[in-house]
Amino acid sequence: MNNQEPKSRVQRYNFNQDPEHPTRQRRKRPRRWWPWVMTLITLAIAILLVLAISHHNNSTSNTAASSSDSASIAAKSSSNSEQTAYDHFKKKYDAYNDNGLTVTQKQKLQNIINDESNDAVQDREQQLLDQASTKSSETSSSKESSGSNSFDDVHTFSSVADAQNWAQASKNQWLQAGYTTYTITSDGQGNYNLQFVH
């Protein structure tokens, strides 16, 4: 019974191993550095995104501020040009206006208003023109040449009061010219015709 071989002489076999290649010692596993690299790359991308978004927001707010400044400058410029256009119109209006405007002068000023592209300026000009009284076109010529007789013609006014005022103002002249009275008639278009009668 003691004939058994000692354990040290028993050969052990590994059936999963190729018999021609003896077992090598296990190598130490290399450190896994990929997770660290991926973490660093992800972190770098996140930082870049935050910086890009921050830069974009700053850029947008700067653009908004500059466009706000531009709008303010444009508004001032527009306001100045509106005032200049109105002043130009008013100078022409004042040059024409001599206790009222003739129908021809009103038409010229109305054409300027109609050609005005800015609505705000157009409204202001129209208000100014609308408040002007209409006088006969012969008023100025009778002042310039008092010898000429303009009382034979029909004089057109925008209201009865304007016609009466003009007739009263020139009363001495038309009485001297041989007229005794005058008539005022409506033409149906909002105008009133003044005519002197012998």
Protein backbone atom coordinates (compact mmCIF):
# COMPACT_ATOMS: atom_id res chain seq x y z
CA MET A 1 0.00 0.00 0.00
CA ASN A 2 2.96 2.22 0.44
CA ASN A 3 3.93 1.71 -3.19
CA GLN A 4 2.15 4.93 -4.27
CA GLU A 5 4.32 7.55 -5.85
CA PRO A 6 4.88 10.65 -3.91
CA LYS A 7 2.69 13.64 -4.88
CA SER A 8 5.71 15.53 -6.12
CA ARG A 9 6.18 13.06 -8.91
CA VAL A 10 2.64 13.38 -10.16
CA GLN A 11 2.55 15.37 -13.35
CA ARG A 12 -0.28 17.71 -13.84
CA TYR A 13 -1.78 18.34 -17.24
CA ASN A 14 -3.66 21.29 -18.54
CA PHE A 15 -5.88 20.01 -21.29
CA ASN A 16 -6.72 23.53 -22.56
CA GLN A 17 -3.13 24.27 -23.36
CA ASP A 18 -1.28 23.56 -26.54
CA PRO A 19 1.34 20.92 -25.64
CA GLU A 20 3.99 22.53 -27.82
CA HIS A 21 3.73 25.92 -26.09
CA PRO A 22 4.42 25.79 -22.47
CA THR A 23 2.51 27.96 -20.08
CA ARG A 24 3.83 31.50 -19.92
CA GLN A 25 3.61 33.66 -16.93
CA ARG A 26 0.68 35.98 -17.02
CA ARG A 27 1.54 39.49 -18.14
CA LYS A 28 0.37 42.38 -16.07
CA ARG A 29 -2.66 43.95 -17.65
CA PRO A 30 -1.84 47.35 -19.13
CA ARG A 31 -3.53 50.19 -17.38
CA ARG A 32 -6.75 51.18 -19.04
CA TRP A 33 -6.08 54.80 -20.07
CA TRP A 34 -8.88 55.05 -22.69
CA PRO A 35 -11.59 55.97 -20.16
CA TRP A 36 -9.42 58.80 -18.88
CA VAL A 37 -8.74 60.08 -22.38
CA MET A 38 -12.43 59.94 -23.28
CA THR A 39 -13.36 61.78 -20.08
CA LEU A 40 -10.81 64.51 -20.83
CA ILE A 41 -12.03 64.86 -24.43
CA THR A 42 -15.66 65.07 -23.26
CA LEU A 43 -14.70 67.70 -20.69
CA ALA A 44 -12.80 69.72 -23.28
CA ILE A 45 -15.77 69.62 -25.67
CA ALA A 46 -18.12 70.72 -22.89
CA ILE A 47 -15.84 73.66 -22.01
CA LEU A 48 -15.60 74.69 -25.67
CA LEU A 49 -19.39 74.56 -26.02
CA VAL A 50 -19.87 76.74 -22.92
CA LEU A 51 -17.33 79.25 -24.25
CA ALA A 52 -18.94 79.27 -27.70
CA ILE A 53 -22.44 79.84 -26.26
CA SER A 54 -21.13 82.56 -23.96
CA HIS A 55 -19.36 84.29 -26.88
CA HIS A 56 -22.50 84.02 -29.02
CA ASN A 57 -24.65 85.59 -26.27
CA ASN A 58 -22.16 88.44 -25.82
CA SER A 59 -22.02 88.95 -29.56
CA THR A 60 -25.82 88.96 -29.80
CA SER A 61 -26.19 91.48 -26.97
CA ASN A 62 -23.50 93.69 -28.55
CA THR A 63 -25.29 93.45 -31.90
CA ALA A 64 -28.60 94.31 -30.25
CA ALA A 65 -27.00 97.26 -28.49
CA SER A 66 -25.38 98.51 -31.68
CA SER A 67 -28.58 98.04 -33.68
CA SER A 68 -30.42 99.94 -30.95
CA ASP A 69 -27.86 102.75 -31.27
CA SER A 70 -28.22 102.64 -35.06
CA ALA A 71 -32.00 102.82 -34.75
CA SER A 72 -31.67 105.79 -32.41
CA ILE A 73 -29.32 107.57 -34.82
CA ALA A 74 -31.61 106.75 -37.75
CA ALA A 75 -34.61 108.11 -35.82
CA LYS A 76 -32.76 111.36 -35.08
CA SER A 77 -31.66 111.62 -38.70
CA SER A 78 -35.20 110.94 -39.88
CA SER A 79 -36.56 113.55 -37.46
CA ASN A 80 -34.04 116.11 -38.73
CA SER A 81 -34.86 115.42 -42.37
CA GLU A 82 -38.61 115.66 -41.61
CA GLN A 83 -38.09 119.06 -40.00
CA THR A 84 -35.96 120.21 -42.93
CA ALA A 85 -38.65 119.16 -45.44
CA TYR A 86 -41.36 120.93 -43.43
CA ASP A 87 -39.25 124.10 -43.03
CA HIS A 88 -38.65 124.17 -46.80
CA PHE A 89 -42.41 123.93 -47.42
CA LYS A 90 -43.19 126.61 -44.82
CA LYS A 91 -40.73 129.04 -46.41
CA LYS A 92 -42.53 128.68 -49.73
CA TYR A 93 -45.90 128.98 -47.96
CA ASP A 94 -44.79 132.16 -46.15
CA ALA A 95 -43.49 133.64 -49.41
CA TYR A 96 -46.87 133.09 -51.07
CA ASN A 97 -49.03 134.06 -48.11
CA ASP A 98 -50.11 137.69 -48.21
CA ASN A 99 -53.29 137.78 -46.14
CA GLY A 100 -54.28 134.56 -47.89
CA LEU A 101 -53.28 132.45 -50.87
CA THR A 102 -54.56 132.57 -54.42
CA VAL A 103 -56.11 129.44 -55.90
CA THR A 104 -53.02 129.02 -58.09
CA GLN A 105 -50.67 129.32 -55.12
CA LYS A 106 -52.73 126.83 -53.15
CA GLN A 107 -52.59 124.40 -56.04
CA LYS A 108 -48.79 124.72 -56.26
CA LEU A 109 -48.42 124.08 -52.54
CA GLN A 110 -50.89 121.19 -52.74
CA ASN A 111 -48.74 119.61 -55.47
CA ILE A 112 -45.70 119.84 -53.18
CA ILE A 113 -47.71 118.14 -50.42
CA ASN A 114 -48.91 115.40 -52.77
CA ASP A 115 -45.30 114.67 -53.81
CA GLU A 116 -44.11 114.39 -50.19
CA SER A 117 -43.21 110.76 -49.43
CA ASN A 118 -43.13 111.11 -45.63
CA ASP A 119 -46.64 110.81 -44.14
CA ALA A 120 -45.81 112.79 -40.98
CA VAL A 121 -44.42 115.72 -42.99
CA GLN A 122 -47.33 115.51 -45.42
CA ASP A 123 -49.84 115.77 -42.53
CA ARG A 124 -48.10 118.83 -41.06
CA GLU A 125 -47.92 120.56 -44.45
CA GLN A 126 -51.57 119.81 -45.18
CA GLN A 127 -52.66 121.26 -41.83
CA LEU A 128 -50.72 124.44 -42.58
CA LEU A 129 -52.21 124.78 -46.04
CA ASP A 130 -55.76 124.04 -44.84
CA GLN A 131 -55.69 126.93 -42.38
CA ALA A 132 -54.76 129.45 -45.10
CA SER A 133 -57.54 131.62 -46.48
CA THR A 134 -58.04 131.85 -50.22
CA LYS A 135 -57.88 135.21 -51.93
CA SER A 136 -58.53 136.25 -55.47
CA SER A 137 -55.60 135.91 -57.82
CA GLU A 138 -56.13 139.53 -58.83
CA THR A 139 -55.45 140.87 -55.33
CA SER A 140 -51.71 140.91 -55.77
CA SER A 141 -51.86 142.23 -59.31
CA SER A 142 -54.15 145.05 -58.24
CA LYS A 143 -51.60 145.98 -55.59
CA GLU A 144 -48.80 145.92 -58.11
CA SER A 145 -50.65 147.93 -60.73
CA SER A 146 -53.36 149.95 -59.07
CA GLY A 147 -54.38 151.44 -62.42
CA SER A 148 -55.62 148.10 -63.81
CA ASN A 149 -59.29 147.27 -63.46
CA SER A 150 -59.71 143.70 -62.15
CA PHE A 151 -63.29 144.11 -60.95
CA ASP A 152 -64.77 142.92 -64.27
CA ASP A 153 -63.52 139.40 -63.49
CA VAL A 154 -65.11 136.80 -61.21
CA HIS A 155 -63.10 136.32 -58.01
CA THR A 156 -63.11 132.88 -56.35
CA PHE A 157 -62.84 132.31 -52.59
CA SER A 158 -63.09 129.33 -50.26
CA SER A 159 -65.67 130.96 -47.99
CA VAL A 160 -68.30 133.72 -48.03
CA ALA A 161 -66.42 135.54 -45.26
CA ASP A 162 -63.23 135.66 -47.37
CA ALA A 163 -65.17 137.06 -50.32
CA GLN A 164 -66.86 139.71 -48.16
CA ASN A 165 -63.58 140.69 -46.51
CA TRP A 166 -61.91 141.15 -49.87
CA ALA A 167 -64.86 143.16 -51.20
CA GLN A 168 -64.79 145.43 -48.15
CA ALA A 169 -61.01 145.87 -48.34
CA SER A 170 -61.21 146.96 -51.98
CA LYS A 171 -64.49 148.90 -51.66
CA ASN A 172 -63.03 152.32 -52.50
CA GLN A 173 -61.41 150.94 -55.64
CA TRP A 174 -64.50 149.22 -57.09
CA LEU A 175 -66.74 152.19 -56.23
CA GLN A 176 -64.31 154.47 -58.09
CA ALA A 177 -64.36 152.01 -61.00
CA GLY A 178 -68.11 152.56 -61.29
CA TYR A 179 -69.48 149.49 -59.48
CA THR A 180 -72.28 149.93 -56.98
CA THR A 181 -72.51 146.51 -55.31
CA TYR A 182 -71.40 142.88 -55.56
CA THR A 183 -72.86 139.36 -55.51
CA ILE A 184 -71.46 136.18 -53.97
CA THR A 185 -72.57 132.82 -55.42
CA SER A 186 -71.57 129.23 -54.72
CA ASP A 187 -70.19 127.10 -57.55
CA GLY A 188 -71.28 123.84 -55.88
CA GLN A 189 -67.69 122.70 -55.34
CA GLY A 190 -67.06 124.52 -52.08
CA ASN A 191 -65.90 127.75 -53.74
CA TYR A 192 -67.64 131.13 -53.68
CA ASN A 193 -67.57 133.53 -56.61
CA LEU A 194 -67.50 137.26 -56.02
CA GLN A 195 -68.73 139.46 -58.88
CA PHE A 196 -69.11 143.23 -58.89
CA VAL A 197 -72.23 144.81 -60.37
CA HIS A 198 -72.61 148.30 -61.97
